[in-house]
Amino acid sequence: MRNKFFYFNNQRGFFLPYVLFIVSLTFLLVTTNIKLYDNEIHMMHHLIEQIKIETLIQMSHMKYREDVNQSNHIPEVISYTFPSGDVTISFLNHKENRAFVHYQITTDNNISFSINDYIELAHHQNNRN
């Protein structure tokens, strides 16, 4: 009976190309996974900064509403400093009990973001400083 798997007994170098193919495929998979992992870390840093920015918007929004409702006037520009960054709110327009404002946000990692938004006020106010 003849051996069907002759390449297992062949000493002329069949295994070298086979091993090189397996090693190169393994190397390709490992380097691809390392690059994917690096991209995930990069995306996670951006996601953390986005969450910081959203948190800063919410904190400054509430602080601005409290300050305006307590002082009975709408300041042109007001700045807040929080542990995760700084927020500057600029008053743009006022209509009924809504103030149209511009947020300029800078996180503690020097990432900047700006957005325009409405802030609902407790009562109608016409005074500005």
C-alpha atoms as a PDB file:
ATOM      1  CA  MET A   1       0.000   0.000   0.000  1.00  0.00           C
ATOM      2  CA  ARG A   2       1.372   3.315  -1.008  1.00  0.00           C
ATOM      3  CA  ASN A   3       1.470   6.202   1.508  1.00  0.00           C
ATOM      4  CA  LYS A   4      -1.017   8.907   0.424  1.00  0.00           C
ATOM      5  CA  PHE A   5       0.632  11.588   2.556  1.00  0.00           C
ATOM      6  CA  PHE A   6       4.031  11.525   0.877  1.00  0.00           C
ATOM      7  CA  TYR A   7       4.829  15.116   1.847  1.00  0.00           C
ATOM      8  CA  PHE A   8       5.048  14.146   5.519  1.00  0.00           C
ATOM      9  CA  ASN A   9       7.959  11.882   4.678  1.00  0.00           C
ATOM     10  CA  ASN A  10       9.506  14.066   1.992  1.00  0.00           C
ATOM     11  CA  GLN A  11      12.812  15.584   3.148  1.00  0.00           C
ATOM     12  CA  ARG A  12      13.232  17.966   0.201  1.00  0.00           C
ATOM     13  CA  GLY A  13      11.681  21.064   1.855  1.00  0.00           C
ATOM     14  CA  PHE A  14       7.931  20.984   1.484  1.00  0.00           C
ATOM     15  CA  PHE A  15       7.474  22.137   5.067  1.00  0.00           C
ATOM     16  CA  LEU A  16       9.497  25.366   4.680  1.00  0.00           C
ATOM     17  CA  PRO A  17       6.948  27.132   2.383  1.00  0.00           C
ATOM     18  CA  TYR A  18       4.123  25.708   4.491  1.00  0.00           C
ATOM     19  CA  VAL A  19       5.675  27.013   7.720  1.00  0.00           C
ATOM     20  CA  LEU A  20       6.499  30.382   6.132  1.00  0.00           C
ATOM     21  CA  PHE A  21       2.886  30.744   5.023  1.00  0.00           C
ATOM     22  CA  ILE A  22       1.562  29.934   8.516  1.00  0.00           C
ATOM     23  CA  VAL A  23       4.087  32.268  10.189  1.00  0.00           C
ATOM     24  CA  SER A  24       3.329  35.131   7.799  1.00  0.00           C
ATOM     25  CA  LEU A  25      -0.440  34.629   8.264  1.00  0.00           C
ATOM     26  CA  THR A  26       0.018  34.639  12.055  1.00  0.00           C
ATOM     27  CA  PHE A  27       2.204  37.755  11.845  1.00  0.00           C
ATOM     28  CA  LEU A  28      -0.437  39.475   9.713  1.00  0.00           C
ATOM     29  CA  LEU A  29      -3.190  38.631  12.198  1.00  0.00           C
ATOM     30  CA  VAL A  30      -1.151  39.815  15.189  1.00  0.00           C
ATOM     31  CA  THR A  31      -0.166  43.134  13.586  1.00  0.00           C
ATOM     32  CA  THR A  32      -3.761  43.748  12.454  1.00  0.00           C
ATOM     33  CA  ASN A  33      -5.058  43.143  15.970  1.00  0.00           C
ATOM     34  CA  ILE A  34      -2.417  45.469  17.432  1.00  0.00           C
ATOM     35  CA  LYS A  35      -3.475  48.223  15.025  1.00  0.00           C
ATOM     36  CA  LEU A  36      -7.160  47.665  15.834  1.00  0.00           C
ATOM     37  CA  TYR A  37      -6.372  47.869  19.539  1.00  0.00           C
ATOM     38  CA  ASP A  38      -4.439  51.116  19.009  1.00  0.00           C
ATOM     39  CA  ASN A  39      -7.415  52.574  17.097  1.00  0.00           C
ATOM     40  CA  GLU A  40      -9.778  51.538  19.903  1.00  0.00           C
ATOM     41  CA  ILE A  41      -7.593  53.352  22.439  1.00  0.00           C
ATOM     42  CA  HIS A  42      -7.576  56.454  20.223  1.00  0.00           C
ATOM     43  CA  MET A  43     -11.374  56.329  19.843  1.00  0.00           C
ATOM     44  CA  MET A  44     -11.787  55.853  23.603  1.00  0.00           C
ATOM     45  CA  HIS A  45      -9.808  59.036  24.279  1.00  0.00           C
ATOM     46  CA  HIS A  46     -12.097  60.944  21.913  1.00  0.00           C
ATOM     47  CA  LEU A  47     -15.176  59.427  23.529  1.00  0.00           C
ATOM     48  CA  ILE A  48     -13.970  60.452  26.986  1.00  0.00           C
ATOM     49  CA  GLU A  49     -13.403  64.018  25.737  1.00  0.00           C
ATOM     50  CA  GLN A  50     -16.880  64.053  24.199  1.00  0.00           C
ATOM     51  CA  ILE A  51     -18.403  62.959  27.503  1.00  0.00           C
ATOM     52  CA  LYS A  52     -16.415  65.677  29.321  1.00  0.00           C
ATOM     53  CA  ILE A  53     -17.722  68.278  26.852  1.00  0.00           C
ATOM     54  CA  GLU A  54     -21.330  67.143  27.273  1.00  0.00           C
ATOM     55  CA  THR A  55     -20.913  67.214  31.050  1.00  0.00           C
ATOM     56  CA  LEU A  56     -19.430  70.711  30.913  1.00  0.00           C
ATOM     57  CA  ILE A  57     -22.356  71.889  28.777  1.00  0.00           C
ATOM     58  CA  GLN A  58     -24.870  70.508  31.261  1.00  0.00           C
ATOM     59  CA  MET A  59     -23.082  71.891  34.335  1.00  0.00           C
ATOM     60  CA  SER A  60     -22.627  75.352  32.832  1.00  0.00           C
ATOM     61  CA  HIS A  61     -26.200  75.351  31.535  1.00  0.00           C
ATOM     62  CA  MET A  62     -27.585  74.746  35.021  1.00  0.00           C
ATOM     63  CA  LYS A  63     -25.155  77.196  36.638  1.00  0.00           C
ATOM     64  CA  TYR A  64     -26.061  79.908  34.103  1.00  0.00           C
ATOM     65  CA  ARG A  65     -29.782  79.400  34.714  1.00  0.00           C
ATOM     66  CA  GLU A  66     -29.269  79.637  38.470  1.00  0.00           C
ATOM     67  CA  ASP A  67     -27.110  82.765  38.188  1.00  0.00           C
ATOM     68  CA  VAL A  68     -29.504  84.549  35.821  1.00  0.00           C
ATOM     69  CA  ASN A  69     -32.600  83.642  37.832  1.00  0.00           C
ATOM     70  CA  GLN A  70     -31.001  84.775  41.091  1.00  0.00           C
ATOM     71  CA  SER A  71     -29.554  88.055  39.830  1.00  0.00           C
ATOM     72  CA  ASN A  72     -32.472  89.162  37.593  1.00  0.00           C
ATOM     73  CA  HIS A  73     -30.185  90.205  34.750  1.00  0.00           C
ATOM     74  CA  ILE A  74     -28.567  88.462  31.798  1.00  0.00           C
ATOM     75  CA  PRO A  75     -24.796  89.002  31.589  1.00  0.00           C
ATOM     76  CA  GLU A  76     -23.221  89.443  28.151  1.00  0.00           C
ATOM     77  CA  VAL A  77     -20.368  87.025  28.891  1.00  0.00           C
ATOM     78  CA  ILE A  78     -19.839  84.761  31.858  1.00  0.00           C
ATOM     79  CA  SER A  79     -17.106  82.189  32.461  1.00  0.00           C
ATOM     80  CA  TYR A  80     -17.174  79.089  34.614  1.00  0.00           C
ATOM     81  CA  THR A  81     -14.259  76.930  35.694  1.00  0.00           C
ATOM     82  CA  PHE A  82     -14.929  73.295  36.492  1.00  0.00           C
ATOM     83  CA  PRO A  83     -12.495  70.482  37.338  1.00  0.00           C
ATOM     84  CA  SER A  84     -12.769  69.006  33.836  1.00  0.00           C
ATOM     85  CA  GLY A  85     -12.491  72.291  31.922  1.00  0.00           C
ATOM     86  CA  ASP A  86     -13.590  75.871  31.340  1.00  0.00           C
ATOM     87  CA  VAL A  87     -16.790  77.186  29.789  1.00  0.00           C
ATOM     88  CA  THR A  88     -17.516  80.689  28.501  1.00  0.00           C
ATOM     89  CA  ILE A  89     -21.150  81.508  27.806  1.00  0.00           C
ATOM     90  CA  SER A  90     -21.914  84.520  25.605  1.00  0.00           C
ATOM     91  CA  PHE A  91     -25.413  85.968  25.473  1.00  0.00           C
ATOM     92  CA  LEU A  92     -26.570  86.371  21.865  1.00  0.00           C
ATOM     93  CA  ASN A  93     -30.288  87.049  21.902  1.00  0.00           C
ATOM     94  CA  HIS A  94     -33.328  87.035  24.167  1.00  0.00           C
ATOM     95  CA  LYS A  95     -36.900  86.125  23.306  1.00  0.00           C
ATOM     96  CA  GLU A  96     -39.615  85.781  25.923  1.00  0.00           C
ATOM     97  CA  ASN A  97     -38.155  83.524  28.604  1.00  0.00           C
ATOM     98  CA  ARG A  98     -35.501  81.970  26.357  1.00  0.00           C
ATOM     99  CA  ALA A  99     -31.928  83.161  26.069  1.00  0.00           C
ATOM    100  CA  PHE A 100     -29.978  82.250  22.938  1.00  0.00           C
ATOM    101  CA  VAL A 101     -26.367  81.696  24.044  1.00  0.00           C
ATOM    102  CA  HIS A 102     -23.028  80.573  22.645  1.00  0.00           C
ATOM    103  CA  TYR A 103     -20.920  78.072  24.607  1.00  0.00           C
ATOM    104  CA  GLN A 104     -17.136  78.021  24.188  1.00  0.00           C
ATOM    105  CA  ILE A 105     -15.777  74.935  25.950  1.00  0.00           C
ATOM    106  CA  THR A 106     -12.161  73.978  26.608  1.00  0.00           C
ATOM    107  CA  THR A 107     -11.462  70.706  28.398  1.00  0.00           C
ATOM    108  CA  ASP A 108      -8.540  70.049  30.720  1.00  0.00           C
ATOM    109  CA  ASN A 109      -6.751  68.369  27.760  1.00  0.00           C
ATOM    110  CA  ASN A 110      -7.071  71.586  25.661  1.00  0.00           C
ATOM    111  CA  ILE A 111      -9.794  70.235  23.381  1.00  0.00           C
ATOM    112  CA  SER A 112     -12.051  73.114  22.252  1.00  0.00           C
ATOM    113  CA  PHE A 113     -15.690  72.962  21.270  1.00  0.00           C
ATOM    114  CA  SER A 114     -18.361  75.587  20.662  1.00  0.00           C
ATOM    115  CA  ILE A 115     -22.108  75.367  20.288  1.00  0.00           C
ATOM    116  CA  ASN A 116     -25.154  77.645  20.212  1.00  0.00           C
ATOM    117  CA  ASP A 117     -28.154  76.752  22.332  1.00  0.00           C
ATOM    118  CA  TYR A 118     -31.290  78.085  24.011  1.00  0.00           C
ATOM    119  CA  ILE A 119     -31.551  78.316  27.759  1.00  0.00           C
ATOM    120  CA  GLU A 120     -35.014  78.407  29.305  1.00  0.00           C
ATOM    121  CA  LEU A 121     -35.241  81.048  32.033  1.00  0.00           C
ATOM    122  CA  ALA A 122     -37.679  80.984  34.938  1.00  0.00           C
ATOM    123  CA  HIS A 123     -39.234  84.334  34.077  1.00  0.00           C
ATOM    124  CA  HIS A 124     -39.004  87.054  31.430  1.00  0.00           C
ATOM    125  CA  GLN A 125     -35.993  89.322  31.888  1.00  0.00           C
ATOM    126  CA  ASN A 126     -34.952  92.409  29.952  1.00  0.00           C
ATOM    127  CA  ASN A 127     -31.978  93.623  31.983  1.00  0.00           C
ATOM    128  CA  ARG A 128     -28.497  93.018  30.610  1.00  0.00           C
ATOM    129  CA  ASN A 129     -25.032  94.049  31.835  1.00  0.00           C
END
